[in-house]
Amino acid sequence: MAYMIATGCCISCGRVFMFNPHRVPSTSAITGRREPVCEPCMAAINRKRAEMGLEPFAILPGAYEPEEHP
């Protein structure tokens, strides 16, 4: 059995982290192309959104975990 996982730098903090490339939250607001956002940064972003009365961004289950790939 194989697993799908990617490694990259968070576009927000620059930290290297592992993620599921099909589920990780990402943004194109900074570079114009989709860039991943790490779990701690997403938590901080969602806290800030809650403080402003906005809905948090959804984080798909398994976004930061390997996915089984047949």
PDB file of N, CA and C in Angstrom:
ATOM      1  N   MET A   1       0.846  -1.177   0.000  1.00  0.00           N
ATOM      2  CA  MET A   1       0.000   0.000   0.000  1.00  0.00           C
ATOM      3  C   MET A   1       0.888   1.236   0.000  1.00  0.00           C
ATOM      4  N   ALA A   2       0.535   2.181  -0.798  1.00  0.00           N
ATOM      5  CA  ALA A   2       1.274   3.447  -0.874  1.00  0.00           C
ATOM      6  C   ALA A   2       0.468   4.552  -0.209  1.00  0.00           C
ATOM      7  N   TYR A   3       1.165   5.589   0.201  1.00  0.00           N
ATOM      8  CA  TYR A   3       0.514   6.735   0.817  1.00  0.00           C
ATOM      9  C   TYR A   3       0.900   7.992   0.053  1.00  0.00           C
ATOM     10  N   MET A   4      -0.073   8.905  -0.075  1.00  0.00           N
ATOM     11  CA  MET A   4       0.182  10.174  -0.738  1.00  0.00           C
ATOM     12  C   MET A   4       0.367  11.237   0.336  1.00  0.00           C
ATOM     13  N   ILE A   5       1.493  11.913   0.285  1.00  0.00           N
ATOM     14  CA  ILE A   5       1.783  13.016   1.198  1.00  0.00           C
ATOM     15  C   ILE A   5       2.749  13.952   0.480  1.00  0.00           C
ATOM     16  N   ALA A   6       2.653  15.211   0.776  1.00  0.00           N
ATOM     17  CA  ALA A   6       3.548  16.194   0.179  1.00  0.00           C
ATOM     18  C   ALA A   6       4.243  16.963   1.293  1.00  0.00           C
ATOM     19  N   THR A   7       5.355  17.550   0.964  1.00  0.00           N
ATOM     20  CA  THR A   7       6.089  18.411   1.887  1.00  0.00           C
ATOM     21  C   THR A   7       6.271  19.753   1.201  1.00  0.00           C
ATOM     22  N   GLY A   8       6.077  20.811   1.950  1.00  0.00           N
ATOM     23  CA  GLY A   8       6.251  22.138   1.388  1.00  0.00           C
ATOM     24  C   GLY A   8       6.356  23.174   2.481  1.00  0.00           C
ATOM     25  N   CYS A   9       6.516  24.411   2.075  1.00  0.00           N
ATOM     26  CA  CYS A   9       6.616  25.530   3.020  1.00  0.00           C
ATOM     27  C   CYS A   9       5.269  26.231   3.117  1.00  0.00           C
ATOM     28  N   CYS A  10       4.897  26.572   4.333  1.00  0.00           N
ATOM     29  CA  CYS A  10       3.668  27.339   4.557  1.00  0.00           C
ATOM     30  C   CYS A  10       3.862  28.727   3.961  1.00  0.00           C
ATOM     31  N   ILE A  11       2.900  29.180   3.194  1.00  0.00           N
ATOM     32  CA  ILE A  11       2.985  30.490   2.562  1.00  0.00           C
ATOM     33  C   ILE A  11       2.890  31.616   3.596  1.00  0.00           C
ATOM     34  N   SER A  12       2.339  31.310   4.764  1.00  0.00           N
ATOM     35  CA  SER A  12       2.178  32.330   5.797  1.00  0.00           C
ATOM     36  C   SER A  12       3.426  32.484   6.674  1.00  0.00           C
ATOM     37  N   CYS A  13       3.933  31.358   7.224  1.00  0.00           N
ATOM     38  CA  CYS A  13       5.045  31.435   8.178  1.00  0.00           C
ATOM     39  C   CYS A  13       6.366  30.898   7.642  1.00  0.00           C
ATOM     40  N   GLY A  14       6.331  30.185   6.522  1.00  0.00           N
ATOM     41  CA  GLY A  14       7.546  29.645   5.932  1.00  0.00           C
ATOM     42  C   GLY A  14       7.997  28.312   6.506  1.00  0.00           C
ATOM     43  N   ARG A  15       7.272  27.796   7.499  1.00  0.00           N
ATOM     44  CA  ARG A  15       7.635  26.526   8.121  1.00  0.00           C
ATOM     45  C   ARG A  15       7.439  25.386   7.131  1.00  0.00           C
ATOM     46  N   VAL A  16       8.367  24.416   7.114  1.00  0.00           N
ATOM     47  CA  VAL A  16       8.221  23.219   6.286  1.00  0.00           C
ATOM     48  C   VAL A  16       7.295  22.260   7.022  1.00  0.00           C
ATOM     49  N   PHE A  17       6.311  21.713   6.297  1.00  0.00           N
ATOM     50  CA  PHE A  17       5.370  20.777   6.915  1.00  0.00           C
ATOM     51  C   PHE A  17       4.892  19.772   5.883  1.00  0.00           C
ATOM     52  N   MET A  18       4.291  18.674   6.387  1.00  0.00           N
ATOM     53  CA  MET A  18       3.745  17.645   5.507  1.00  0.00           C
ATOM     54  C   MET A  18       2.232  17.809   5.435  1.00  0.00           C
ATOM     55  N   PHE A  19       1.659  17.488   4.252  1.00  0.00           N
ATOM     56  CA  PHE A  19       0.228  17.670   4.061  1.00  0.00           C
ATOM     57  C   PHE A  19      -0.272  16.793   2.927  1.00  0.00           C
ATOM     58  N   ASN A  20      -1.578  16.617   2.900  1.00  0.00           N
ATOM     59  CA  ASN A  20      -2.237  15.922   1.799  1.00  0.00           C
ATOM     60  C   ASN A  20      -2.482  16.976   0.718  1.00  0.00           C
ATOM     61  N   PRO A  21      -1.866  16.841  -0.444  1.00  0.00           N
ATOM     62  CA  PRO A  21      -1.985  17.890  -1.459  1.00  0.00           C
ATOM     63  C   PRO A  21      -3.392  18.086  -2.018  1.00  0.00           C
ATOM     64  N   HIS A  22      -4.270  17.105  -1.812  1.00  0.00           N
ATOM     65  CA  HIS A  22      -5.643  17.221  -2.308  1.00  0.00           C
ATOM     66  C   HIS A  22      -6.587  17.832  -1.278  1.00  0.00           C
ATOM     67  N   ARG A  23      -6.133  17.980  -0.028  1.00  0.00           N
ATOM     68  CA  ARG A  23      -7.022  18.450   1.034  1.00  0.00           C
ATOM     69  C   ARG A  23      -6.516  19.667   1.811  1.00  0.00           C
ATOM     70  N   VAL A  24      -5.245  19.980   1.706  1.00  0.00           N
ATOM     71  CA  VAL A  24      -4.674  21.059   2.512  1.00  0.00           C
ATOM     72  C   VAL A  24      -5.278  22.413   2.123  1.00  0.00           C
ATOM     73  N   PRO A  25      -5.555  23.269   3.115  1.00  0.00           N
ATOM     74  CA  PRO A  25      -5.986  24.624   2.779  1.00  0.00           C
ATOM     75  C   PRO A  25      -4.852  25.348   2.055  1.00  0.00           C
ATOM     76  N   SER A  26      -5.219  26.181   1.101  1.00  0.00           N
ATOM     77  CA  SER A  26      -4.206  26.916   0.349  1.00  0.00           C
ATOM     78  C   SER A  26      -4.767  28.262  -0.071  1.00  0.00           C
ATOM     79  N   THR A  27      -3.869  29.126  -0.511  1.00  0.00           N
ATOM     80  CA  THR A  27      -4.280  30.443  -0.972  1.00  0.00           C
ATOM     81  C   THR A  27      -3.456  30.844  -2.190  1.00  0.00           C
ATOM     82  N   SER A  28      -4.052  31.620  -3.044  1.00  0.00           N
ATOM     83  CA  SER A  28      -3.322  32.181  -4.184  1.00  0.00           C
ATOM     84  C   SER A  28      -3.191  33.697  -4.037  1.00  0.00           C
ATOM     85  N   ALA A  29      -3.583  34.223  -2.880  1.00  0.00           N
ATOM     86  CA  ALA A  29      -3.614  35.667  -2.670  1.00  0.00           C
ATOM     87  C   ALA A  29      -2.226  36.306  -2.647  1.00  0.00           C
ATOM     88  N   ILE A  30      -1.197  35.549  -2.324  1.00  0.00           N
ATOM     89  CA  ILE A  30       0.130  36.138  -2.160  1.00  0.00           C
ATOM     90  C   ILE A  30       0.967  36.036  -3.432  1.00  0.00           C
ATOM     91  N   THR A  31       1.023  34.844  -4.027  1.00  0.00           N
ATOM     92  CA  THR A  31       1.898  34.625  -5.182  1.00  0.00           C
ATOM     93  C   THR A  31       1.152  34.510  -6.507  1.00  0.00           C
ATOM     94  N   GLY A  32      -0.160  34.369  -6.446  1.00  0.00           N
ATOM     95  CA  GLY A  32      -0.938  34.175  -7.663  1.00  0.00           C
ATOM     96  C   GLY A  32      -1.112  32.708  -8.037  1.00  0.00           C
ATOM     97  N   ARG A  33      -0.433  31.818  -7.318  1.00  0.00           N
ATOM     98  CA  ARG A  33      -0.647  30.382  -7.527  1.00  0.00           C
ATOM     99  C   ARG A  33      -0.925  29.739  -6.173  1.00  0.00           C
ATOM    100  N   ARG A  34      -1.587  28.595  -6.185  1.00  0.00           N
ATOM    101  CA  ARG A  34      -2.013  27.948  -4.944  1.00  0.00           C
ATOM    102  C   ARG A  34      -0.806  27.558  -4.098  1.00  0.00           C
ATOM    103  N   GLU A  35      -0.774  28.006  -2.851  1.00  0.00           N
ATOM    104  CA  GLU A  35       0.304  27.708  -1.903  1.00  0.00           C
ATOM    105  C   GLU A  35      -0.326  27.173  -0.621  1.00  0.00           C
ATOM    106  N   PRO A  36       0.269  26.138  -0.004  1.00  0.00           N
ATOM    107  CA  PRO A  36      -0.318  25.536   1.191  1.00  0.00           C
ATOM    108  C   PRO A  36      -0.162  26.409   2.439  1.00  0.00           C
ATOM    109  N   VAL A  37      -1.093  26.199   3.385  1.00  0.00           N
ATOM    110  CA  VAL A  37      -1.074  26.901   4.669  1.00  0.00           C
ATOM    111  C   VAL A  37      -1.037  25.841   5.767  1.00  0.00           C
ATOM    112  N   CYS A  38      -0.077  25.948   6.704  1.00  0.00           N
ATOM    113  CA  CYS A  38       0.088  24.943   7.753  1.00  0.00           C
ATOM    114  C   CYS A  38      -1.043  25.018   8.789  1.00  0.00           C
ATOM    115  N   GLU A  39      -1.156  23.967   9.568  1.00  0.00           N
ATOM    116  CA  GLU A  39      -2.232  23.859  10.557  1.00  0.00           C
ATOM    117  C   GLU A  39      -2.194  24.970  11.619  1.00  0.00           C
ATOM    118  N   PRO A  40      -1.017  25.284  12.213  1.00  0.00           N
ATOM    119  CA  PRO A  40      -1.003  26.386  13.191  1.00  0.00           C
ATOM    120  C   PRO A  40      -1.424  27.730  12.586  1.00  0.00           C
ATOM    121  N   CYS A  41      -1.012  27.999  11.360  1.00  0.00           N
ATOM    122  CA  CYS A  41      -1.411  29.259  10.722  1.00  0.00           C
ATOM    123  C   CYS A  41      -2.909  29.275  10.434  1.00  0.00           C
ATOM    124  N   MET A  42      -3.458  28.138   9.999  1.00  0.00           N
ATOM    125  CA  MET A  42      -4.907  28.082   9.758  1.00  0.00           C
ATOM    126  C   MET A  42      -5.674  28.304  11.056  1.00  0.00           C
ATOM    127  N   ALA A  43      -5.173  27.752  12.172  1.00  0.00           N
ATOM    128  CA  ALA A  43      -5.834  27.967  13.469  1.00  0.00           C
ATOM    129  C   ALA A  43      -5.810  29.453  13.824  1.00  0.00           C
ATOM    130  N   ALA A  44      -4.683  30.114  13.613  1.00  0.00           N
ATOM    131  CA  ALA A  44      -4.570  31.549  13.908  1.00  0.00           C
ATOM    132  C   ALA A  44      -5.481  32.368  12.997  1.00  0.00           C
ATOM    133  N   ILE A  45      -5.519  32.022  11.728  1.00  0.00           N
ATOM    134  CA  ILE A  45      -6.395  32.717  10.775  1.00  0.00           C
ATOM    135  C   ILE A  45      -7.850  32.566  11.191  1.00  0.00           C
ATOM    136  N   ASN A  46      -8.241  31.350  11.552  1.00  0.00           N
ATOM    137  CA  ASN A  46      -9.638  31.119  11.941  1.00  0.00           C
ATOM    138  C   ASN A  46      -9.987  31.808  13.257  1.00  0.00           C
ATOM    139  N   ARG A  47      -9.036  31.905  14.199  1.00  0.00           N
ATOM    140  CA  ARG A  47      -9.288  32.656  15.441  1.00  0.00           C
ATOM    141  C   ARG A  47      -9.535  34.125  15.121  1.00  0.00           C
ATOM    142  N   LYS A  48      -8.708  34.677  14.241  1.00  0.00           N
ATOM    143  CA  LYS A  48      -8.846  36.086  13.852  1.00  0.00           C
ATOM    144  C   LYS A  48     -10.191  36.314  13.150  1.00  0.00           C
ATOM    145  N   ARG A  49     -10.576  35.381  12.286  1.00  0.00           N
ATOM    146  CA  ARG A  49     -11.868  35.504  11.593  1.00  0.00           C
ATOM    147  C   ARG A  49     -13.014  35.478  12.606  1.00  0.00           C
ATOM    148  N   ALA A  50     -12.921  34.591  13.600  1.00  0.00           N
ATOM    149  CA  ALA A  50     -13.971  34.510  14.632  1.00  0.00           C
ATOM    150  C   ALA A  50     -14.068  35.826  15.399  1.00  0.00           C
ATOM    151  N   GLU A  51     -12.918  36.425  15.717  1.00  0.00           N
ATOM    152  CA  GLU A  51     -12.908  37.720  16.422  1.00  0.00           C
ATOM    153  C   GLU A  51     -13.593  38.812  15.601  1.00  0.00           C
ATOM    154  N   MET A  52     -13.523  38.695  14.286  1.00  0.00           N
ATOM    155  CA  MET A  52     -14.135  39.682  13.400  1.00  0.00           C
ATOM    156  C   MET A  52     -15.579  39.327  13.054  1.00  0.00           C
ATOM    157  N   GLY A  53     -16.091  38.216  13.629  1.00  0.00           N
ATOM    158  CA  GLY A  53     -17.465  37.813  13.369  1.00  0.00           C
ATOM    159  C   GLY A  53     -17.651  37.067  12.060  1.00  0.00           C
ATOM    160  N   LEU A  54     -16.563  36.576  11.480  1.00  0.00           N
ATOM    161  CA  LEU A  54     -16.627  35.843  10.217  1.00  0.00           C
ATOM    162  C   LEU A  54     -16.588  34.337  10.462  1.00  0.00           C
ATOM    163  N   GLU A  55     -17.113  33.600   9.511  1.00  0.00           N
ATOM    164  CA  GLU A  55     -17.063  32.139   9.587  1.00  0.00           C
ATOM    165  C   GLU A  55     -15.622  31.673   9.381  1.00  0.00           C
ATOM    166  N   PRO A  56     -15.212  30.631  10.108  1.00  0.00           N
ATOM    167  CA  PRO A  56     -13.865  30.100   9.876  1.00  0.00           C
ATOM    168  C   PRO A  56     -13.788  29.396   8.527  1.00  0.00           C
ATOM    169  N   PHE A  57     -12.581  29.338   7.982  1.00  0.00           N
ATOM    170  CA  PHE A  57     -12.369  28.551   6.774  1.00  0.00           C
ATOM    171  C   PHE A  57     -12.444  27.075   7.142  1.00  0.00           C
ATOM    172  N   ALA A  58     -13.059  26.289   6.294  1.00  0.00           N
ATOM    173  CA  ALA A  58     -13.155  24.851   6.532  1.00  0.00           C
ATOM    174  C   ALA A  58     -11.796  24.197   6.299  1.00  0.00           C
ATOM    175  N   ILE A  59     -11.464  23.255   7.152  1.00  0.00           N
ATOM    176  CA  ILE A  59     -10.266  22.440   6.979  1.00  0.00           C
ATOM    177  C   ILE A  59     -10.749  21.013   6.779  1.00  0.00           C
ATOM    178  N   LEU A  60     -10.483  20.466   5.615  1.00  0.00           N
ATOM    179  CA  LEU A  60     -10.966  19.129   5.292  1.00  0.00           C
ATOM    180  C   LEU A  60     -10.314  18.075   6.178  1.00  0.00           C
ATOM    181  N   PRO A  61     -11.070  17.052   6.572  1.00  0.00           N
ATOM    182  CA  PRO A  61     -10.476  15.956   7.343  1.00  0.00           C
ATOM    183  C   PRO A  61      -9.303  15.358   6.570  1.00  0.00           C
ATOM    184  N   GLY A  62      -8.223  15.077   7.266  1.00  0.00           N
ATOM    185  CA  GLY A  62      -7.052  14.471   6.646  1.00  0.00           C
ATOM    186  C   GLY A  62      -6.147  15.450   5.918  1.00  0.00           C
ATOM    187  N   ALA A  63      -6.388  16.739   6.063  1.00  0.00           N
ATOM    188  CA  ALA A  63      -5.594  17.742   5.341  1.00  0.00           C
ATOM    189  C   ALA A  63      -4.110  17.679   5.690  1.00  0.00           C
ATOM    190  N   TYR A  64      -3.809  17.261   6.913  1.00  0.00           N
ATOM    191  CA  TYR A  64      -2.419  17.237   7.372  1.00  0.00           C
ATOM    192  C   TYR A  64      -1.951  15.813   7.670  1.00  0.00           C
ATOM    193  N   GLU A  65      -2.571  14.843   7.013  1.00  0.00           N
ATOM    194  CA  GLU A  65      -2.236  13.433   7.206  1.00  0.00           C
ATOM    195  C   GLU A  65      -2.054  12.743   5.854  1.00  0.00           C
ATOM    196  N   PRO A  66      -1.266  11.664   5.829  1.00  0.00           N
ATOM    197  CA  PRO A  66      -1.131  10.921   4.561  1.00  0.00           C
ATOM    198  C   PRO A  66      -2.449  10.264   4.169  1.00  0.00           C
ATOM    199  N   GLU A  67      -2.636  10.082   2.872  1.00  0.00           N
ATOM    200  CA  GLU A  67      -3.837   9.437   2.352  1.00  0.00           C
ATOM    201  C   GLU A  67      -3.432   8.131   1.682  1.00  0.00           C
ATOM    202  N   GLU A  68      -4.151   7.062   2.002  1.00  0.00           N
ATOM    203  CA  GLU A  68      -3.857   5.787   1.353  1.00  0.00           C
ATOM    204  C   GLU A  68      -4.115   5.912  -0.145  1.00  0.00           C
ATOM    205  N   HIS A  69      -3.200   5.382  -0.926  1.00  0.00           N
ATOM    206  CA  HIS A  69      -3.303   5.454  -2.370  1.00  0.00           C
ATOM    207  C   HIS A  69      -3.073   4.061  -2.952  1.00  0.00           C
ATOM    208  N   PRO A  70      -4.094   3.490  -3.564  1.00  0.00           N
ATOM    209  CA  PRO A  70      -3.934   2.115  -4.069  1.00  0.00           C
ATOM    210  C   PRO A  70      -2.906   1.989  -5.167  1.00  0.00           C
TER     211      PRO A  70
END
